Every structure is written in C-alpha cells, then in structure tokens.
C-alpha cells in the first residue's frame, strides 16, 4: 500500500488530487489516520500557535453529517431548495472513506500576523494530503458553500474567529487520477536583479 519512500522527490512529483466522489475503500485505518494528522501538524507554524485544528467525521456519523448539511443549506438560502440540491448535500457527506475538516483557528498574537496563521493552516492541509499520498492513498481538498456556512461551522464546534479551511476527503482512487496541466514555471518565476 505504501509508495516507495526511497525517492521523496518522486513522491512530491506524483501527488495528485482525487475527486472525493471517486475515492473508495480502503481508506486509512485509525492508526494511519492518526499518523497522517500528526504529520499534518508538523507544518511551519511561526510562534508555535498551531492556528488550525482538525475535526474528524467518521463513517458512523456521515448520515447525521448529511442531515446537518441539509439543515444548514436550507437555513442559508431563501425559499425551498430543490430535490437535487438536497441530494447533493447528502452525497457530499458520504464521499470517500475518510473525511477530515480543517479549521483555520487563528490565535490572538501581538507578533504573528493573521495572514501568517492562515498560511500555516493551508500548509497543514498540504502536509495532510502529502502524508496520505505517501501511504498510498489519495485526497481531495474541497470547499464549496458548506465551508462558508455559519451553521456548518457552528455544528463542527467552530469558535469565534475560526473558519473552515476545507474538507479533506481520503481514500483509494477508484479510477486513475488525472494529471492536470501545471503552470509553466517561466510564467511564475522572475529573478530579482537589484
């Protein structure tokens, strides 16, 4: 199940996102998931504030998670949502074997700007995805309406000042992962010449 870790650069070069709906069993077991989260927590963190936290949504609670998403969706819009919209909320809840929600959880700090803390949360998500890939799994980091819903944040135990940084779905690719076009480095790189 594990990728060849003798070449860390090959591991980095081959990481791809998996569509959550295409991720199937097996997913990480409890020990693997704990290891993935411990690795994710090794992210750069100026000031040692750990300005992020994880909420695990186990398989056993996915139906309740789907019901919560439906309530939040209904509360966040005017008028009655259509059947397809409600079904989409429930499908979202049941994707992939494992689901971890990453919360950006900035701390009051006179020295560490909010921006740096938010960047650290993003780095935690990337470390999580890389750790999952190193263990032979794939992950999909998504947001969507639920990431911006106050009702969803509250249901996840979100505190004042916290935000959903993303829903990280983990599992085994049910089909080959697509390689997408990557940016041309020459378009992204400039050299400062003083």
C-alpha atoms as a PDB file:
ATOM      1  CA  UNK A   1       0.000   0.000   0.000  1.00  0.00           C
ATOM      2  CA  UNK A   2       2.857   2.386   0.737  1.00  0.00           C
ATOM      3  CA  UNK A   3       4.565   4.284  -2.048  1.00  0.00           C
ATOM      4  CA  UNK A   4       8.297   3.934  -2.492  1.00  0.00           C
ATOM      5  CA  UNK A   5       9.668   6.461   0.011  1.00  0.00           C
ATOM      6  CA  UNK A   6      13.234   5.957  -1.204  1.00  0.00           C
ATOM      7  CA  UNK A   7      12.621   8.878  -3.547  1.00  0.00           C
ATOM      8  CA  UNK A   8      10.906  11.739  -1.709  1.00  0.00           C
ATOM      9  CA  UNK A   9      11.101  13.940  -4.801  1.00  0.00           C
ATOM     10  CA  UNK A  10       9.282  11.321  -6.875  1.00  0.00           C
ATOM     11  CA  UNK A  11       6.612  11.261  -4.176  1.00  0.00           C
ATOM     12  CA  UNK A  12       6.217  15.045  -4.374  1.00  0.00           C
ATOM     13  CA  UNK A  13       6.160  14.984  -8.178  1.00  0.00           C
ATOM     14  CA  UNK A  14       3.418  12.368  -8.299  1.00  0.00           C
ATOM     15  CA  UNK A  15       0.900  13.766  -5.798  1.00  0.00           C
ATOM     16  CA  UNK A  16      -2.435  14.450  -7.443  1.00  0.00           C
ATOM     17  CA  UNK A  17      -5.821  15.390  -6.084  1.00  0.00           C
ATOM     18  CA  UNK A  18      -8.520  12.756  -6.133  1.00  0.00           C
ATOM     19  CA  UNK A  19     -12.143  13.688  -6.694  1.00  0.00           C
ATOM     20  CA  UNK A  20     -13.855  12.892  -3.399  1.00  0.00           C
ATOM     21  CA  UNK A  21     -16.697  11.092  -5.203  1.00  0.00           C
ATOM     22  CA  UNK A  22     -14.125   8.766  -6.834  1.00  0.00           C
ATOM     23  CA  UNK A  23     -12.313   7.782  -3.619  1.00  0.00           C
ATOM     24  CA  UNK A  24     -13.215   4.303  -2.420  1.00  0.00           C
ATOM     25  CA  UNK A  25     -12.261   1.771   0.266  1.00  0.00           C
ATOM     26  CA  UNK A  26      -9.856   1.141   1.696  1.00  0.00           C
ATOM     27  CA  UNK A  27      -9.220   4.409   3.400  1.00  0.00           C
ATOM     28  CA  UNK A  28      -6.692   4.969   6.136  1.00  0.00           C
ATOM     29  CA  UNK A  29      -7.355   2.885   9.235  1.00  0.00           C
ATOM     30  CA  UNK A  30      -7.440   4.603  12.639  1.00  0.00           C
ATOM     31  CA  UNK A  31      -3.680   4.328  13.212  1.00  0.00           C
ATOM     32  CA  UNK A  32      -2.860   5.553   9.700  1.00  0.00           C
ATOM     33  CA  UNK A  33      -5.255   8.486  10.023  1.00  0.00           C
ATOM     34  CA  UNK A  34      -3.709   9.446  13.346  1.00  0.00           C
ATOM     35  CA  UNK A  35      -0.257   9.298  11.733  1.00  0.00           C
ATOM     36  CA  UNK A  36      -1.461  11.410   8.777  1.00  0.00           C
ATOM     37  CA  UNK A  37      -2.805  14.046  11.191  1.00  0.00           C
ATOM     38  CA  UNK A  38       0.398  14.017  13.263  1.00  0.00           C
ATOM     39  CA  UNK A  39       2.398  14.628  10.087  1.00  0.00           C
ATOM     40  CA  UNK A  40      -0.002  17.398   9.048  1.00  0.00           C
ATOM     41  CA  UNK A  41       0.602  19.060  12.413  1.00  0.00           C
ATOM     42  CA  UNK A  42       4.341  19.320  11.635  1.00  0.00           C
ATOM     43  CA  UNK A  43       3.625  22.294   9.393  1.00  0.00           C
ATOM     44  CA  UNK A  44       5.535  25.590   9.621  1.00  0.00           C
ATOM     45  CA  UNK A  45       3.968  27.490  12.485  1.00  0.00           C
ATOM     46  CA  UNK A  46       5.578  30.821  13.350  1.00  0.00           C
ATOM     47  CA  UNK A  47       5.118  31.400  17.058  1.00  0.00           C
ATOM     48  CA  UNK A  48       4.081  27.791  17.797  1.00  0.00           C
ATOM     49  CA  UNK A  49       0.429  28.857  17.824  1.00  0.00           C
ATOM     50  CA  UNK A  50      -0.993  25.846  15.897  1.00  0.00           C
ATOM     51  CA  UNK A  51      -3.567  28.148  14.282  1.00  0.00           C
ATOM     52  CA  UNK A  52      -5.594  25.260  12.883  1.00  0.00           C
ATOM     53  CA  UNK A  53      -7.346  22.180  14.128  1.00  0.00           C
ATOM     54  CA  UNK A  54      -8.912  19.050  12.721  1.00  0.00           C
ATOM     55  CA  UNK A  55     -12.446  17.668  13.012  1.00  0.00           C
ATOM     56  CA  UNK A  56     -12.748  14.010  12.000  1.00  0.00           C
ATOM     57  CA  UNK A  57     -16.117  12.962  10.558  1.00  0.00           C
ATOM     58  CA  UNK A  58     -16.124   9.160  10.895  1.00  0.00           C
ATOM     59  CA  UNK A  59     -18.179   6.903   8.635  1.00  0.00           C
ATOM     60  CA  UNK A  60     -20.513   6.125  11.520  1.00  0.00           C
ATOM     61  CA  UNK A  61     -21.665   9.761  11.674  1.00  0.00           C
ATOM     62  CA  UNK A  62     -21.908  10.527   7.957  1.00  0.00           C
ATOM     63  CA  UNK A  63     -25.713  10.218   7.840  1.00  0.00           C
ATOM     64  CA  UNK A  64     -26.002  12.727  10.694  1.00  0.00           C
ATOM     65  CA  UNK A  65     -23.443  14.933   8.945  1.00  0.00           C
ATOM     66  CA  UNK A  66     -25.595  14.840   5.800  1.00  0.00           C
ATOM     67  CA  UNK A  67     -28.679  15.834   7.798  1.00  0.00           C
ATOM     68  CA  UNK A  68     -26.741  18.724   9.325  1.00  0.00           C
ATOM     69  CA  UNK A  69     -25.618  19.851   5.865  1.00  0.00           C
ATOM     70  CA  UNK A  70     -29.210  19.766   4.657  1.00  0.00           C
ATOM     71  CA  UNK A  71     -30.382  21.902   7.594  1.00  0.00           C
ATOM     72  CA  UNK A  72     -27.522  24.351   7.042  1.00  0.00           C
ATOM     73  CA  UNK A  73     -28.260  24.572   3.328  1.00  0.00           C
ATOM     74  CA  UNK A  74     -31.932  25.260   3.990  1.00  0.00           C
ATOM     75  CA  UNK A  75     -31.066  27.886   6.613  1.00  0.00           C
ATOM     76  CA  UNK A  76     -28.638  29.677   4.321  1.00  0.00           C
ATOM     77  CA  UNK A  77     -30.995  30.356   1.431  1.00  0.00           C
ATOM     78  CA  UNK A  78     -34.309  31.965   0.756  1.00  0.00           C
ATOM     79  CA  UNK A  79     -37.025  29.645  -0.433  1.00  0.00           C
ATOM     80  CA  UNK A  80     -37.297  25.892  -0.559  1.00  0.00           C
ATOM     81  CA  UNK A  81     -34.283  24.162  -2.147  1.00  0.00           C
ATOM     82  CA  UNK A  82     -34.836  21.665  -4.908  1.00  0.00           C
ATOM     83  CA  UNK A  83     -34.559  17.919  -4.515  1.00  0.00           C
ATOM     84  CA  UNK A  84     -31.271  17.804  -6.449  1.00  0.00           C
ATOM     85  CA  UNK A  85     -29.676  20.390  -4.167  1.00  0.00           C
ATOM     86  CA  UNK A  86     -30.648  18.400  -1.077  1.00  0.00           C
ATOM     87  CA  UNK A  87     -29.404  15.161  -2.634  1.00  0.00           C
ATOM     88  CA  UNK A  88     -26.093  16.880  -3.433  1.00  0.00           C
ATOM     89  CA  UNK A  89     -25.644  17.835   0.225  1.00  0.00           C
ATOM     90  CA  UNK A  90     -26.165  14.213   1.276  1.00  0.00           C
ATOM     91  CA  UNK A  91     -23.835  12.883  -1.457  1.00  0.00           C
ATOM     92  CA  UNK A  92     -21.175  15.328  -0.250  1.00  0.00           C
ATOM     93  CA  UNK A  93     -21.449  13.871   3.259  1.00  0.00           C
ATOM     94  CA  UNK A  94     -20.969  10.293   2.094  1.00  0.00           C
ATOM     95  CA  UNK A  95     -17.979  10.690  -0.242  1.00  0.00           C
ATOM     96  CA  UNK A  96     -14.704   8.836   0.375  1.00  0.00           C
ATOM     97  CA  UNK A  97     -13.882   6.510   3.259  1.00  0.00           C
ATOM     98  CA  UNK A  98     -12.441   9.246   5.491  1.00  0.00           C
ATOM     99  CA  UNK A  99     -13.251  12.907   5.987  1.00  0.00           C
ATOM    100  CA  UNK A 100     -11.286  15.453   7.982  1.00  0.00           C
ATOM    101  CA  UNK A 101     -12.400  19.051   8.226  1.00  0.00           C
ATOM    102  CA  UNK A 102      -9.580  21.545   8.669  1.00  0.00           C
ATOM    103  CA  UNK A 103     -10.478  24.620  10.671  1.00  0.00           C
ATOM    104  CA  UNK A 104      -8.361  27.744  10.457  1.00  0.00           C
ATOM    105  CA  UNK A 105      -8.101  28.702  14.106  1.00  0.00           C
ATOM    106  CA  UNK A 106      -6.046  31.885  14.410  1.00  0.00           C
ATOM    107  CA  UNK A 107      -4.820  32.914  17.839  1.00  0.00           C
ATOM    108  CA  UNK A 108      -4.547  36.393  19.288  1.00  0.00           C
ATOM    109  CA  UNK A 109      -0.932  37.405  18.833  1.00  0.00           C
ATOM    110  CA  UNK A 110       0.866  40.703  19.001  1.00  0.00           C
ATOM    111  CA  UNK A 111       3.731  39.223  16.983  1.00  0.00           C
ATOM    112  CA  UNK A 112       2.260  36.797  14.444  1.00  0.00           C
ATOM    113  CA  UNK A 113       0.009  38.361  11.765  1.00  0.00           C
ATOM    114  CA  UNK A 114      -3.275  36.708  10.846  1.00  0.00           C
ATOM    115  CA  UNK A 115      -2.009  36.174   7.281  1.00  0.00           C
ATOM    116  CA  UNK A 116       0.880  34.008   8.516  1.00  0.00           C
ATOM    117  CA  UNK A 117      -1.509  31.965  10.620  1.00  0.00           C
ATOM    118  CA  UNK A 118      -3.828  31.409   7.653  1.00  0.00           C
ATOM    119  CA  UNK A 119      -0.878  30.334   5.512  1.00  0.00           C
ATOM    120  CA  UNK A 120       0.040  27.826   8.213  1.00  0.00           C
ATOM    121  CA  UNK A 121      -3.469  26.325   8.030  1.00  0.00           C
ATOM    122  CA  UNK A 122      -3.056  25.881   4.269  1.00  0.00           C
ATOM    123  CA  UNK A 123       0.312  24.244   4.833  1.00  0.00           C
ATOM    124  CA  UNK A 124      -1.307  21.821   7.315  1.00  0.00           C
ATOM    125  CA  UNK A 125      -3.783  20.799   4.614  1.00  0.00           C
ATOM    126  CA  UNK A 126      -0.978  20.223   2.116  1.00  0.00           C
ATOM    127  CA  UNK A 127       1.026  18.166   4.625  1.00  0.00           C
ATOM    128  CA  UNK A 128      -2.071  16.075   5.271  1.00  0.00           C
ATOM    129  CA  UNK A 129      -2.505  15.388   1.555  1.00  0.00           C
ATOM    130  CA  UNK A 130       1.188  14.555   1.129  1.00  0.00           C
ATOM    131  CA  UNK A 131       1.144  12.179   4.105  1.00  0.00           C
ATOM    132  CA  UNK A 132      -1.911  10.406   2.707  1.00  0.00           C
ATOM    133  CA  UNK A 133      -0.193  10.113  -0.684  1.00  0.00           C
ATOM    134  CA  UNK A 134       2.942   8.699   0.953  1.00  0.00           C
ATOM    135  CA  UNK A 135       0.757   5.984   2.500  1.00  0.00           C
ATOM    136  CA  UNK A 136      -0.732   5.063  -0.862  1.00  0.00           C
ATOM    137  CA  UNK A 137      -4.000   6.966  -0.555  1.00  0.00           C
ATOM    138  CA  UNK A 138      -5.364   9.951  -2.428  1.00  0.00           C
ATOM    139  CA  UNK A 139      -7.041  13.019  -1.087  1.00  0.00           C
ATOM    140  CA  UNK A 140      -9.308  15.765  -2.280  1.00  0.00           C
ATOM    141  CA  UNK A 141      -9.370  19.192  -0.618  1.00  0.00           C
ATOM    142  CA  UNK A 142     -12.648  20.971  -1.330  1.00  0.00           C
ATOM    143  CA  UNK A 143     -14.609  23.920  -0.001  1.00  0.00           C
ATOM    144  CA  UNK A 144     -17.933  24.924  -1.572  1.00  0.00           C
ATOM    145  CA  UNK A 145     -20.887  26.538   0.131  1.00  0.00           C
ATOM    146  CA  UNK A 146     -20.503  24.433   3.303  1.00  0.00           C
ATOM    147  CA  UNK A 147     -17.088  25.928   4.024  1.00  0.00           C
ATOM    148  CA  UNK A 148     -18.692  29.371   4.256  1.00  0.00           C
ATOM    149  CA  UNK A 149     -21.835  28.422   6.137  1.00  0.00           C
ATOM    150  CA  UNK A 150     -22.054  29.760   9.714  1.00  0.00           C
ATOM    151  CA  UNK A 151     -24.403  26.868  10.547  1.00  0.00           C
ATOM    152  CA  UNK A 152     -21.871  24.269   9.372  1.00  0.00           C
ATOM    153  CA  UNK A 153     -19.067  25.959  11.289  1.00  0.00           C
ATOM    154  CA  UNK A 154     -21.169  26.030  14.448  1.00  0.00           C
ATOM    155  CA  UNK A 155     -22.179  22.367  14.052  1.00  0.00           C
ATOM    156  CA  UNK A 156     -18.494  21.445  13.728  1.00  0.00           C
ATOM    157  CA  UNK A 157     -17.756  23.141  17.039  1.00  0.00           C
ATOM    158  CA  UNK A 158     -16.252  26.204  15.398  1.00  0.00           C
ATOM    159  CA  UNK A 159     -15.376  29.051  17.701  1.00  0.00           C
ATOM    160  CA  UNK A 160     -15.396  32.771  17.129  1.00  0.00           C
ATOM    161  CA  UNK A 161     -12.744  33.736  14.574  1.00  0.00           C
ATOM    162  CA  UNK A 162     -12.465  30.230  13.128  1.00  0.00           C
ATOM    163  CA  UNK A 163     -13.241  29.320   9.524  1.00  0.00           C
ATOM    164  CA  UNK A 164     -13.490  26.099   7.572  1.00  0.00           C
ATOM    165  CA  UNK A 165     -10.284  25.900   5.536  1.00  0.00           C
ATOM    166  CA  UNK A 166     -11.502  22.827   3.729  1.00  0.00           C
ATOM    167  CA  UNK A 167     -12.987  19.370   3.701  1.00  0.00           C
ATOM    168  CA  UNK A 168     -10.243  16.787   3.136  1.00  0.00           C
ATOM    169  CA  UNK A 169     -11.573  13.506   1.760  1.00  0.00           C
ATOM    170  CA  UNK A 170      -9.238  10.493   1.858  1.00  0.00           C
ATOM    171  CA  UNK A 171      -9.393   7.060   0.272  1.00  0.00           C
ATOM    172  CA  UNK A 172      -8.118   4.868  -2.522  1.00  0.00           C
ATOM    173  CA  UNK A 173      -8.574   6.122  -6.066  1.00  0.00           C
ATOM    174  CA  UNK A 174     -11.431   4.251  -7.716  1.00  0.00           C
ATOM    175  CA  UNK A 175     -10.018   5.221 -11.099  1.00  0.00           C
ATOM    176  CA  UNK A 176      -6.752   6.596 -12.399  1.00  0.00           C
ATOM    177  CA  UNK A 177      -6.060  10.079 -11.106  1.00  0.00           C
ATOM    178  CA  UNK A 178      -5.979  12.677 -13.830  1.00  0.00           C
ATOM    179  CA  UNK A 179      -2.851  14.677 -14.429  1.00  0.00           C
ATOM    180  CA  UNK A 180      -3.871  18.250 -14.959  1.00  0.00           C
ATOM    181  CA  UNK A 181      -1.917  20.878 -16.810  1.00  0.00           C
ATOM    182  CA  UNK A 182       0.584  22.525 -14.492  1.00  0.00           C
ATOM    183  CA  UNK A 183       1.692  26.130 -14.861  1.00  0.00           C
ATOM    184  CA  UNK A 184       4.815  26.881 -16.828  1.00  0.00           C
ATOM    185  CA  UNK A 185       7.472  27.771 -14.282  1.00  0.00           C
ATOM    186  CA  UNK A 186       8.750  30.552 -16.539  1.00  0.00           C
ATOM    187  CA  UNK A 187       5.359  32.257 -16.200  1.00  0.00           C
ATOM    188  CA  UNK A 188       5.592  32.146 -12.404  1.00  0.00           C
ATOM    189  CA  UNK A 189       9.251  32.893 -11.829  1.00  0.00           C
ATOM    190  CA  UNK A 190      11.049  36.179 -12.018  1.00  0.00           C
ATOM    191  CA  UNK A 191      14.548  36.883 -10.893  1.00  0.00           C
ATOM    192  CA  UNK A 192      15.185  39.974  -8.847  1.00  0.00           C
ATOM    193  CA  UNK A 193      18.209  41.812 -10.194  1.00  0.00           C
ATOM    194  CA  UNK A 194      18.539  44.565  -7.644  1.00  0.00           C
END
